[in-house]
Amino acid sequence: QVQLVESGGGTVQAGESLRLSCTVSGLNFENYAMGWFRQVPGKEREGVSCIARNGHSTTLLDSVEGRFTITRDNAKNTLYLQMNNLGPEDTAMYYCAAAPNLGSWCYSSQFEYDYWGQGTQVTVSS
């Protein structure tokens, strides 16, 4: 069974950093593009960043450009999101997602992703 498990969330003060991880099992990780999405209760889920199988990444949200970095380690079947200089506006449930893709691009739309993790909560206090 395919399983994506996020970890690394927590509560931090504004200006601090967190690194989220997403461990993947049950699929051939290196054949999938990966994405990080976030959602506040009652609001639409939004893309944060995505990364192709070869490591080419794309920032999907202007407000995180220069602060968030997505990486992957195909040998470890793990996706990461390094989040620096966090602000209260970054408070959300963060989800990782996987989409079959053998190319050098990734998807911005949540509807392209077939598998999702359960989410990890990030809370940033001011």
C-alpha atoms as a PDB file:
ATOM      1  CA  GLN A   1       0.000   0.000   0.000  1.00  0.00           C
ATOM      2  CA  VAL A   2       1.247   3.480  -0.848  1.00  0.00           C
ATOM      3  CA  GLN A   3       2.040   5.574   2.162  1.00  0.00           C
ATOM      4  CA  LEU A   4       3.330   9.119   2.528  1.00  0.00           C
ATOM      5  CA  VAL A   5       4.140  10.259   6.040  1.00  0.00           C
ATOM      6  CA  GLU A   6       5.008  13.843   6.894  1.00  0.00           C
ATOM      7  CA  SER A   7       6.962  14.848   9.960  1.00  0.00           C
ATOM      8  CA  GLY A   8       8.824  17.815  11.357  1.00  0.00           C
ATOM      9  CA  GLY A   9       5.977  20.195  12.016  1.00  0.00           C
ATOM     10  CA  GLY A  10       5.577  22.052  15.252  1.00  0.00           C
ATOM     11  CA  THR A  11       5.170  25.425  16.868  1.00  0.00           C
ATOM     12  CA  VAL A  12       7.842  28.086  16.407  1.00  0.00           C
ATOM     13  CA  GLN A  13       8.221  31.815  16.803  1.00  0.00           C
ATOM     14  CA  ALA A  14       8.315  34.172  13.860  1.00  0.00           C
ATOM     15  CA  GLY A  15      11.735  34.240  12.250  1.00  0.00           C
ATOM     16  CA  GLU A  16      12.594  30.676  13.167  1.00  0.00           C
ATOM     17  CA  SER A  17      12.995  27.674  10.888  1.00  0.00           C
ATOM     18  CA  LEU A  18      11.620  24.189  10.437  1.00  0.00           C
ATOM     19  CA  ARG A  19      12.428  21.316   8.143  1.00  0.00           C
ATOM     20  CA  LEU A  20       9.597  19.057   7.101  1.00  0.00           C
ATOM     21  CA  SER A  21      10.155  15.523   5.883  1.00  0.00           C
ATOM     22  CA  CYS A  22       7.967  13.177   3.880  1.00  0.00           C
ATOM     23  CA  THR A  23       8.879   9.516   3.751  1.00  0.00           C
ATOM     24  CA  VAL A  24       7.342   7.505   0.929  1.00  0.00           C
ATOM     25  CA  SER A  25       6.741   3.785   0.625  1.00  0.00           C
ATOM     26  CA  GLY A  26       4.774   1.518  -1.686  1.00  0.00           C
ATOM     27  CA  LEU A  27       5.749   3.225  -4.931  1.00  0.00           C
ATOM     28  CA  ASN A  28       8.834   3.793  -7.026  1.00  0.00           C
ATOM     29  CA  PHE A  29       9.737   7.152  -5.560  1.00  0.00           C
ATOM     30  CA  GLU A  30      12.189   8.134  -8.283  1.00  0.00           C
ATOM     31  CA  ASN A  31       9.414   7.928 -10.921  1.00  0.00           C
ATOM     32  CA  TYR A  32       7.278  10.543  -9.197  1.00  0.00           C
ATOM     33  CA  ALA A  33       7.211  14.281  -9.061  1.00  0.00           C
ATOM     34  CA  MET A  34       6.572  15.512  -5.547  1.00  0.00           C
ATOM     35  CA  GLY A  35       4.897  18.549  -4.111  1.00  0.00           C
ATOM     36  CA  TRP A  36       4.293  20.345  -0.862  1.00  0.00           C
ATOM     37  CA  PHE A  37       0.876  21.894  -0.293  1.00  0.00           C
ATOM     38  CA  ARG A  38      -0.613  23.660   2.674  1.00  0.00           C
ATOM     39  CA  GLN A  39      -4.101  24.350   3.918  1.00  0.00           C
ATOM     40  CA  VAL A  40      -5.787  26.408   6.585  1.00  0.00           C
ATOM     41  CA  PRO A  41      -9.135  25.029   7.813  1.00  0.00           C
ATOM     42  CA  GLY A  42     -11.985  26.387   5.727  1.00  0.00           C
ATOM     43  CA  LYS A  43      -9.702  27.659   2.980  1.00  0.00           C
ATOM     44  CA  GLU A  44      -8.504  26.243  -0.310  1.00  0.00           C
ATOM     45  CA  ARG A  45      -5.387  24.133  -0.382  1.00  0.00           C
ATOM     46  CA  GLU A  46      -2.487  25.910  -2.069  1.00  0.00           C
ATOM     47  CA  GLY A  47       0.702  24.693  -3.646  1.00  0.00           C
ATOM     48  CA  VAL A  48       3.922  25.675  -1.927  1.00  0.00           C
ATOM     49  CA  SER A  49       6.666  24.061  -3.952  1.00  0.00           C
ATOM     50  CA  CYS A  50       7.232  21.060  -6.181  1.00  0.00           C
ATOM     51  CA  ILE A  51      10.172  19.056  -7.442  1.00  0.00           C
ATOM     52  CA  ALA A  52      10.738  16.763 -10.395  1.00  0.00           C
ATOM     53  CA  ARG A  53      12.313  13.343 -10.194  1.00  0.00           C
ATOM     54  CA  ASN A  54      15.687  14.768 -11.204  1.00  0.00           C
ATOM     55  CA  GLY A  55      15.647  17.468  -8.550  1.00  0.00           C
ATOM     56  CA  HIS A  56      14.478  20.432 -10.633  1.00  0.00           C
ATOM     57  CA  SER A  57      12.277  22.465  -8.332  1.00  0.00           C
ATOM     58  CA  THR A  58       9.634  25.150  -8.740  1.00  0.00           C
ATOM     59  CA  THR A  59       8.287  27.578  -6.192  1.00  0.00           C
ATOM     60  CA  LEU A  60       4.498  27.676  -6.463  1.00  0.00           C
ATOM     61  CA  LEU A  61       3.818  30.480  -4.008  1.00  0.00           C
ATOM     62  CA  ASP A  62       5.415  33.906  -4.309  1.00  0.00           C
ATOM     63  CA  SER A  63       5.310  34.520  -0.584  1.00  0.00           C
ATOM     64  CA  VAL A  64       7.721  31.655   0.133  1.00  0.00           C
ATOM     65  CA  GLU A  65      10.258  32.450  -2.581  1.00  0.00           C
ATOM     66  CA  GLY A  66      13.698  32.750  -1.056  1.00  0.00           C
ATOM     67  CA  ARG A  67      12.533  31.343   2.268  1.00  0.00           C
ATOM     68  CA  PHE A  68      11.464  27.781   1.468  1.00  0.00           C
ATOM     69  CA  THR A  69      13.560  25.176  -0.313  1.00  0.00           C
ATOM     70  CA  ILE A  70      12.275  21.829  -1.528  1.00  0.00           C
ATOM     71  CA  THR A  71      14.694  18.937  -1.952  1.00  0.00           C
ATOM     72  CA  ARG A  72      14.523  15.187  -2.346  1.00  0.00           C
ATOM     73  CA  ASP A  73      16.732  12.233  -1.639  1.00  0.00           C
ATOM     74  CA  ASN A  74      15.754   9.452  -4.002  1.00  0.00           C
ATOM     75  CA  ALA A  75      18.031   6.978  -2.254  1.00  0.00           C
ATOM     76  CA  LYS A  76      16.089   7.525   0.962  1.00  0.00           C
ATOM     77  CA  ASN A  77      12.618   7.862  -0.601  1.00  0.00           C
ATOM     78  CA  THR A  78      12.303  11.143   1.231  1.00  0.00           C
ATOM     79  CA  LEU A  79      11.093  14.628   0.364  1.00  0.00           C
ATOM     80  CA  TYR A  80      12.056  17.697   2.386  1.00  0.00           C
ATOM     81  CA  LEU A  81      10.891  21.255   2.805  1.00  0.00           C
ATOM     82  CA  GLN A  82      13.303  23.613   4.517  1.00  0.00           C
ATOM     83  CA  MET A  83      11.367  26.601   5.813  1.00  0.00           C
ATOM     84  CA  ASN A  84      13.335  29.619   6.981  1.00  0.00           C
ATOM     85  CA  ASN A  85      12.251  32.947   8.427  1.00  0.00           C
ATOM     86  CA  LEU A  86       8.779  31.682   9.151  1.00  0.00           C
ATOM     87  CA  GLY A  87       5.931  34.086   9.752  1.00  0.00           C
ATOM     88  CA  PRO A  88       2.408  33.724  11.120  1.00  0.00           C
ATOM     89  CA  GLU A  89       1.087  33.643   7.552  1.00  0.00           C
ATOM     90  CA  ASP A  90       2.838  30.291   7.129  1.00  0.00           C
ATOM     91  CA  THR A  91       0.672  28.651   9.766  1.00  0.00           C
ATOM     92  CA  ALA A  92      -1.104  25.738   8.081  1.00  0.00           C
ATOM     93  CA  MET A  93      -1.324  22.005   7.738  1.00  0.00           C
ATOM     94  CA  TYR A  94       1.407  20.960   5.327  1.00  0.00           C
ATOM     95  CA  TYR A  95       0.915  17.985   3.029  1.00  0.00           C
ATOM     96  CA  CYS A  96       3.235  16.154   0.705  1.00  0.00           C
ATOM     97  CA  ALA A  97       1.933  14.593  -2.486  1.00  0.00           C
ATOM     98  CA  ALA A  98       3.173  12.347  -5.288  1.00  0.00           C
ATOM     99  CA  ALA A  99       2.378  12.358  -9.014  1.00  0.00           C
ATOM    100  CA  PRO A 100       3.710   9.954 -11.662  1.00  0.00           C
ATOM    101  CA  ASN A 101       6.050  11.984 -13.835  1.00  0.00           C
ATOM    102  CA  LEU A 102       9.215  10.905 -15.647  1.00  0.00           C
ATOM    103  CA  GLY A 103      10.003  14.386 -16.926  1.00  0.00           C
ATOM    104  CA  SER A 104      12.033  17.281 -15.640  1.00  0.00           C
ATOM    105  CA  TRP A 105       9.007  19.256 -14.508  1.00  0.00           C
ATOM    106  CA  CYS A 106       6.506  19.090 -11.683  1.00  0.00           C
ATOM    107  CA  TYR A 107       2.867  20.041 -11.245  1.00  0.00           C
ATOM    108  CA  SER A 108       1.419  23.125  -9.637  1.00  0.00           C
ATOM    109  CA  SER A 109      -2.141  21.796  -9.491  1.00  0.00           C
ATOM    110  CA  GLN A 110      -3.201  19.624  -6.598  1.00  0.00           C
ATOM    111  CA  PHE A 111      -5.386  17.656  -8.996  1.00  0.00           C
ATOM    112  CA  GLU A 112      -2.339  16.168 -10.696  1.00  0.00           C
ATOM    113  CA  TYR A 113      -1.256  14.369  -7.555  1.00  0.00           C
ATOM    114  CA  ASP A 114      -2.461  10.857  -6.855  1.00  0.00           C
ATOM    115  CA  TYR A 115      -1.127  10.195  -3.375  1.00  0.00           C
ATOM    116  CA  TRP A 116      -1.176  12.337  -0.271  1.00  0.00           C
ATOM    117  CA  GLY A 117       0.167  12.222   3.227  1.00  0.00           C
ATOM    118  CA  GLN A 118      -1.818  12.883   6.365  1.00  0.00           C
ATOM    119  CA  GLY A 119      -0.270  16.286   6.943  1.00  0.00           C
ATOM    120  CA  THR A 120       1.894  17.875   9.597  1.00  0.00           C
ATOM    121  CA  GLN A 121       0.871  21.032  11.421  1.00  0.00           C
ATOM    122  CA  VAL A 122       3.060  24.127  11.342  1.00  0.00           C
ATOM    123  CA  THR A 123       2.159  26.929  13.710  1.00  0.00           C
ATOM    124  CA  VAL A 124       4.097  30.194  13.768  1.00  0.00           C
ATOM    125  CA  SER A 125       3.508  32.643  16.585  1.00  0.00           C
ATOM    126  CA  SER A 126       4.335  36.333  16.493  1.00  0.00           C
END
